C-alpha cells in the first residue's frame, strides 16, 4: 500500500523531476510546513520533524538546519503518515512500529522509486544518492527493499509504476545536472 501510494503521487501532482520536494507535496495535501526556527524554538532538542494532524493545526514542524537529504526523507516520511491515514481517528490503525515502517517505505519509494532505479540500471548506493539526491541511509534502504523483489517480479513492478504514472515514458539521467528525470 505504501509503495503504490508513493508512486501515485507522481501522477497526482504531475511530477517529472525525481528531486521531489516533500514540502511542496505536504502543502498540496493541505498541510502547513513550519520550521522550528520560525517559531523561535531553534535551541530546544527535538525530532527532525513531526506531524500534528489536529484540524486546528494540521502542520509539519521541522528543523531547517537538518542535513538536506535527511530533511527531505523526514518530510516525505511525515507526508507518508498523512497519506496513509495513520492519524485518522476513525481508521483502524497499525501498531506504531508498523506505521513507522510503512511511512519509511513510502518516503523511500517517493524519493527514489525502485522501478526507475531498475529501469535505468542503477546498482549501487552511490548511484542512487547521486541520481535522487537522497542520503546514503535512504539509498541503502531502497536497495535492500529491491533485493526482496525477485527478478521475475520486476516487469510487474515496472508495469504497476507505469499504470500509477500514466504519463511515464522513459527514465534517463541528465548528466549535466546529475538528476534523474522522466519524460511525459
C-alpha atoms as a PDB file:
ATOM      1  CA  UNK A   1       0.000   0.000   0.000  1.00  0.00           C
ATOM      2  CA  UNK A   2       2.740   2.499   0.936  1.00  0.00           C
ATOM      3  CA  UNK A   3       4.649   1.817  -2.268  1.00  0.00           C
ATOM      4  CA  UNK A   4       1.635   2.289  -4.553  1.00  0.00           C
ATOM      5  CA  UNK A   5       0.579   5.475  -2.758  1.00  0.00           C
ATOM      6  CA  UNK A   6       4.099   6.886  -3.076  1.00  0.00           C
ATOM      7  CA  UNK A   7       4.189   6.121  -6.799  1.00  0.00           C
ATOM      8  CA  UNK A   8       0.706   7.591  -7.309  1.00  0.00           C
ATOM      9  CA  UNK A   9       1.984  10.974  -6.062  1.00  0.00           C
ATOM     10  CA  UNK A  10       3.965  11.238  -9.315  1.00  0.00           C
ATOM     11  CA  UNK A  11       0.803  11.258 -11.428  1.00  0.00           C
ATOM     12  CA  UNK A  12      -1.449  13.069  -8.950  1.00  0.00           C
ATOM     13  CA  UNK A  13       0.889  16.059  -8.892  1.00  0.00           C
ATOM     14  CA  UNK A  14       2.409  15.564 -12.383  1.00  0.00           C
ATOM     15  CA  UNK A  15       5.939  15.176 -11.056  1.00  0.00           C
ATOM     16  CA  UNK A  16       8.577  14.863 -13.770  1.00  0.00           C
ATOM     17  CA  UNK A  17      11.702  15.514 -11.738  1.00  0.00           C
ATOM     18  CA  UNK A  18      12.960  12.855  -9.373  1.00  0.00           C
ATOM     19  CA  UNK A  19      14.153  15.558  -6.990  1.00  0.00           C
ATOM     20  CA  UNK A  20      10.757  15.534  -5.300  1.00  0.00           C
ATOM     21  CA  UNK A  21      10.033  18.421  -2.926  1.00  0.00           C
ATOM     22  CA  UNK A  22       8.196  16.867   0.048  1.00  0.00           C
ATOM     23  CA  UNK A  23       7.443  20.314   1.494  1.00  0.00           C
ATOM     24  CA  UNK A  24       5.584  21.244  -1.694  1.00  0.00           C
ATOM     25  CA  UNK A  25       3.669  17.948  -1.637  1.00  0.00           C
ATOM     26  CA  UNK A  26       2.714  18.464   2.014  1.00  0.00           C
ATOM     27  CA  UNK A  27       1.328  21.889   1.122  1.00  0.00           C
ATOM     28  CA  UNK A  28      -0.569  20.430  -1.839  1.00  0.00           C
ATOM     29  CA  UNK A  29      -2.052  17.920   0.614  1.00  0.00           C
ATOM     30  CA  UNK A  30      -3.222  20.845   2.767  1.00  0.00           C
ATOM     31  CA  UNK A  31      -0.546  20.549   5.457  1.00  0.00           C
ATOM     32  CA  UNK A  32       1.352  23.645   6.620  1.00  0.00           C
ATOM     33  CA  UNK A  33       5.140  23.385   6.974  1.00  0.00           C
ATOM     34  CA  UNK A  34       6.657  25.427   9.779  1.00  0.00           C
ATOM     35  CA  UNK A  35      10.298  25.405  10.833  1.00  0.00           C
ATOM     36  CA  UNK A  36      11.269  25.321  14.477  1.00  0.00           C
ATOM     37  CA  UNK A  37      13.459  28.343  13.757  1.00  0.00           C
ATOM     38  CA  UNK A  38      10.455  30.366  12.525  1.00  0.00           C
ATOM     39  CA  UNK A  39       8.764  29.611  15.825  1.00  0.00           C
ATOM     40  CA  UNK A  40      11.859  30.621  17.819  1.00  0.00           C
ATOM     41  CA  UNK A  41      12.432  27.061  19.034  1.00  0.00           C
ATOM     42  CA  UNK A  42      15.831  26.506  17.444  1.00  0.00           C
ATOM     43  CA  UNK A  43      17.600  25.930  20.786  1.00  0.00           C
ATOM     44  CA  UNK A  44      15.331  23.118  22.001  1.00  0.00           C
ATOM     45  CA  UNK A  45      16.227  19.436  21.490  1.00  0.00           C
ATOM     46  CA  UNK A  46      13.678  17.892  19.118  1.00  0.00           C
ATOM     47  CA  UNK A  47      12.999  15.473  16.310  1.00  0.00           C
ATOM     48  CA  UNK A  48      13.959  16.490  12.755  1.00  0.00           C
ATOM     49  CA  UNK A  49      10.224  16.852  12.076  1.00  0.00           C
ATOM     50  CA  UNK A  50       6.834  15.798  13.328  1.00  0.00           C
ATOM     51  CA  UNK A  51       3.275  15.977  12.014  1.00  0.00           C
ATOM     52  CA  UNK A  52       0.464  17.390  14.154  1.00  0.00           C
ATOM     53  CA  UNK A  53      -2.789  16.269  12.473  1.00  0.00           C
ATOM     54  CA  UNK A  54      -5.196  18.138  14.733  1.00  0.00           C
ATOM     55  CA  UNK A  55      -7.661  20.017  12.469  1.00  0.00           C
ATOM     56  CA  UNK A  56      -6.871  23.383  14.040  1.00  0.00           C
ATOM     57  CA  UNK A  57      -3.127  22.830  13.473  1.00  0.00           C
ATOM     58  CA  UNK A  58      -2.564  20.321  10.584  1.00  0.00           C
ATOM     59  CA  UNK A  59       1.126  21.109  10.214  1.00  0.00           C
ATOM     60  CA  UNK A  60       4.541  19.539   9.990  1.00  0.00           C
ATOM     61  CA  UNK A  61       7.109  21.199  12.211  1.00  0.00           C
ATOM     62  CA  UNK A  62      10.722  20.682  11.137  1.00  0.00           C
ATOM     63  CA  UNK A  63      14.339  21.630  11.776  1.00  0.00           C
ATOM     64  CA  UNK A  64      15.518  23.648   8.785  1.00  0.00           C
ATOM     65  CA  UNK A  65      19.137  23.127   9.904  1.00  0.00           C
ATOM     66  CA  UNK A  66      18.939  19.357   9.338  1.00  0.00           C
ATOM     67  CA  UNK A  67      21.040  17.919   6.518  1.00  0.00           C
ATOM     68  CA  UNK A  68      19.228  18.487   3.182  1.00  0.00           C
ATOM     69  CA  UNK A  69      18.888  14.807   2.239  1.00  0.00           C
ATOM     70  CA  UNK A  70      17.835  13.800   5.742  1.00  0.00           C
ATOM     71  CA  UNK A  71      15.235  16.565   5.912  1.00  0.00           C
ATOM     72  CA  UNK A  72      13.775  15.511   2.536  1.00  0.00           C
ATOM     73  CA  UNK A  73      13.390  11.954   3.808  1.00  0.00           C
ATOM     74  CA  UNK A  74      11.927  13.066   7.137  1.00  0.00           C
ATOM     75  CA  UNK A  75       9.377  15.357   5.453  1.00  0.00           C
ATOM     76  CA  UNK A  76       8.484  12.575   2.985  1.00  0.00           C
ATOM     77  CA  UNK A  77       8.096  10.243   5.980  1.00  0.00           C
ATOM     78  CA  UNK A  78       5.664  12.685   7.642  1.00  0.00           C
ATOM     79  CA  UNK A  79       3.807  13.019   4.322  1.00  0.00           C
ATOM     80  CA  UNK A  80       3.565   9.229   4.357  1.00  0.00           C
ATOM     81  CA  UNK A  81       1.852   9.301   7.750  1.00  0.00           C
ATOM     82  CA  UNK A  82      -0.666  11.813   6.351  1.00  0.00           C
ATOM     83  CA  UNK A  83      -1.352   9.988   3.071  1.00  0.00           C
ATOM     84  CA  UNK A  84      -1.505   6.572   4.741  1.00  0.00           C
ATOM     85  CA  UNK A  85      -4.085   7.832   7.245  1.00  0.00           C
ATOM     86  CA  UNK A  86      -2.052   6.963  10.314  1.00  0.00           C
ATOM     87  CA  UNK A  87      -3.547   9.858  12.242  1.00  0.00           C
ATOM     88  CA  UNK A  88      -7.167   9.350  11.185  1.00  0.00           C
ATOM     89  CA  UNK A  89      -9.103   8.947  14.433  1.00  0.00           C
ATOM     90  CA  UNK A  90     -11.785   6.895  12.670  1.00  0.00           C
ATOM     91  CA  UNK A  91      -9.395   4.451  10.994  1.00  0.00           C
ATOM     92  CA  UNK A  92      -8.278   1.111  12.342  1.00  0.00           C
ATOM     93  CA  UNK A  93      -4.571   1.740  12.642  1.00  0.00           C
ATOM     94  CA  UNK A  94      -1.498  -0.441  12.639  1.00  0.00           C
ATOM     95  CA  UNK A  95       0.754  -0.682  15.699  1.00  0.00           C
ATOM     96  CA  UNK A  96       3.111   2.315  15.920  1.00  0.00           C
ATOM     97  CA  UNK A  97       6.191   0.355  14.806  1.00  0.00           C
ATOM     98  CA  UNK A  98       4.317  -0.820  11.686  1.00  0.00           C
ATOM     99  CA  UNK A  99       3.197   2.743  10.967  1.00  0.00           C
ATOM    100  CA  UNK A 100       6.821   3.876  11.133  1.00  0.00           C
ATOM    101  CA  UNK A 101       7.936   1.091   8.769  1.00  0.00           C
ATOM    102  CA  UNK A 102       5.125   1.950   6.367  1.00  0.00           C
ATOM    103  CA  UNK A 103       5.965   5.682   6.447  1.00  0.00           C
ATOM    104  CA  UNK A 104       9.643   4.827   5.833  1.00  0.00           C
ATOM    105  CA  UNK A 105       8.716   2.650   2.840  1.00  0.00           C
ATOM    106  CA  UNK A 106       6.502   5.452   1.485  1.00  0.00           C
ATOM    107  CA  UNK A 107       9.305   8.018   1.849  1.00  0.00           C
ATOM    108  CA  UNK A 108      11.939   5.785   0.246  1.00  0.00           C
ATOM    109  CA  UNK A 109       9.731   4.942  -2.755  1.00  0.00           C
ATOM    110  CA  UNK A 110       8.612   8.560  -3.176  1.00  0.00           C
ATOM    111  CA  UNK A 111      12.159   9.899  -3.190  1.00  0.00           C
ATOM    112  CA  UNK A 112      13.806   7.020  -5.099  1.00  0.00           C
ATOM    113  CA  UNK A 113      11.196   4.849  -6.880  1.00  0.00           C
ATOM    114  CA  UNK A 114      12.588   1.339  -7.270  1.00  0.00           C
ATOM    115  CA  UNK A 115      11.116   0.834 -10.794  1.00  0.00           C
ATOM    116  CA  UNK A 116      13.066   3.867 -12.042  1.00  0.00           C
ATOM    117  CA  UNK A 117      16.216   2.570 -10.370  1.00  0.00           C
ATOM    118  CA  UNK A 118      15.642  -0.796 -12.045  1.00  0.00           C
ATOM    119  CA  UNK A 119      14.848   0.716 -15.460  1.00  0.00           C
ATOM    120  CA  UNK A 120      17.973   2.841 -15.666  1.00  0.00           C
ATOM    121  CA  UNK A 121      20.182   0.092 -14.275  1.00  0.00           C
ATOM    122  CA  UNK A 122      21.403   1.737 -11.094  1.00  0.00           C
ATOM    123  CA  UNK A 123      23.040  -0.874  -8.881  1.00  0.00           C
ATOM    124  CA  UNK A 124      24.910   0.983  -6.139  1.00  0.00           C
ATOM    125  CA  UNK A 125      24.144   3.156  -3.147  1.00  0.00           C
ATOM    126  CA  UNK A 126      26.354   5.956  -4.518  1.00  0.00           C
ATOM    127  CA  UNK A 127      24.478   5.980  -7.839  1.00  0.00           C
ATOM    128  CA  UNK A 128      21.120   6.189  -6.038  1.00  0.00           C
ATOM    129  CA  UNK A 129      22.412   9.046  -3.864  1.00  0.00           C
ATOM    130  CA  UNK A 130      23.640  10.954  -6.928  1.00  0.00           C
ATOM    131  CA  UNK A 131      20.569  10.366  -9.112  1.00  0.00           C
ATOM    132  CA  UNK A 132      17.918  11.064  -6.477  1.00  0.00           C
ATOM    133  CA  UNK A 133      19.749  13.358  -4.034  1.00  0.00           C
ATOM    134  CA  UNK A 134      18.990  11.117  -1.069  1.00  0.00           C
ATOM    135  CA  UNK A 135      21.069  10.154   1.945  1.00  0.00           C
ATOM    136  CA  UNK A 136      23.175   7.020   1.999  1.00  0.00           C
ATOM    137  CA  UNK A 137      20.808   5.544   4.591  1.00  0.00           C
ATOM    138  CA  UNK A 138      17.794   6.089   2.305  1.00  0.00           C
ATOM    139  CA  UNK A 139      19.664   4.667  -0.701  1.00  0.00           C
ATOM    140  CA  UNK A 140      20.667   1.594   1.313  1.00  0.00           C
ATOM    141  CA  UNK A 141      17.046   1.075   2.389  1.00  0.00           C
ATOM    142  CA  UNK A 142      15.802   1.321  -1.214  1.00  0.00           C
ATOM    143  CA  UNK A 143      18.449  -1.106  -2.468  1.00  0.00           C
ATOM    144  CA  UNK A 144      17.665  -3.513   0.369  1.00  0.00           C
ATOM    145  CA  UNK A 145      13.939  -3.380  -0.499  1.00  0.00           C
ATOM    146  CA  UNK A 146      14.776  -4.011  -4.159  1.00  0.00           C
ATOM    147  CA  UNK A 147      16.677  -7.186  -3.309  1.00  0.00           C
ATOM    148  CA  UNK A 148      13.492  -8.599  -1.772  1.00  0.00           C
ATOM    149  CA  UNK A 149      11.781  -8.443  -5.179  1.00  0.00           C
ATOM    150  CA  UNK A 150      12.611 -11.495  -7.236  1.00  0.00           C
ATOM    151  CA  UNK A 151      13.839 -10.756 -10.787  1.00  0.00           C
ATOM    152  CA  UNK A 152      10.734 -12.284 -12.357  1.00  0.00           C
ATOM    153  CA  UNK A 153       8.569  -9.757 -10.470  1.00  0.00           C
ATOM    154  CA  UNK A 154      10.318  -6.671 -11.852  1.00  0.00           C
ATOM    155  CA  UNK A 155       8.200  -6.450 -15.026  1.00  0.00           C
ATOM    156  CA  UNK A 156       5.119  -6.402 -12.752  1.00  0.00           C
ATOM    157  CA  UNK A 157       6.570  -3.572 -10.607  1.00  0.00           C
ATOM    158  CA  UNK A 158       7.530  -1.515 -13.664  1.00  0.00           C
ATOM    159  CA  UNK A 159       4.052  -2.054 -15.174  1.00  0.00           C
ATOM    160  CA  UNK A 160       2.417  -1.072 -11.895  1.00  0.00           C
ATOM    161  CA  UNK A 161       4.522   2.112 -11.758  1.00  0.00           C
ATOM    162  CA  UNK A 162       3.529   2.942 -15.344  1.00  0.00           C
ATOM    163  CA  UNK A 163      -0.160   2.423 -14.503  1.00  0.00           C
ATOM    164  CA  UNK A 164       0.103   4.711 -11.495  1.00  0.00           C
ATOM    165  CA  UNK A 165       2.107   7.234 -13.548  1.00  0.00           C
ATOM    166  CA  UNK A 166       0.332   7.137 -16.929  1.00  0.00           C
ATOM    167  CA  UNK A 167       2.492   9.908 -18.381  1.00  0.00           C
ATOM    168  CA  UNK A 168       5.665   7.930 -17.764  1.00  0.00           C
ATOM    169  CA  UNK A 169       7.543   7.099 -20.959  1.00  0.00           C
ATOM    170  CA  UNK A 170      11.214   6.755 -20.183  1.00  0.00           C
ATOM    171  CA  UNK A 171      13.725   7.443 -17.472  1.00  0.00           C
ATOM    172  CA  UNK A 172      17.122   8.879 -18.080  1.00  0.00           C
ATOM    173  CA  UNK A 173      19.882  10.570 -16.142  1.00  0.00           C
ATOM    174  CA  UNK A 174      20.619  14.120 -17.181  1.00  0.00           C
ATOM    175  CA  UNK A 175      24.397  14.135 -16.945  1.00  0.00           C
ATOM    176  CA  UNK A 176      24.503  17.933 -16.901  1.00  0.00           C
ATOM    177  CA  UNK A 177      22.831  18.319 -13.514  1.00  0.00           C
ATOM    178  CA  UNK A 178      23.177  14.678 -12.371  1.00  0.00           C
ATOM    179  CA  UNK A 179      19.466  14.386 -11.668  1.00  0.00           C
ATOM    180  CA  UNK A 180      17.092  11.769 -12.891  1.00  0.00           C
ATOM    181  CA  UNK A 181      14.138  12.926 -14.959  1.00  0.00           C
ATOM    182  CA  UNK A 182      11.396  11.111 -16.749  1.00  0.00           C
ATOM    183  CA  UNK A 183       9.647  12.452 -19.786  1.00  0.00           C
ATOM    184  CA  UNK A 184       5.907  12.735 -20.251  1.00  0.00           C
END
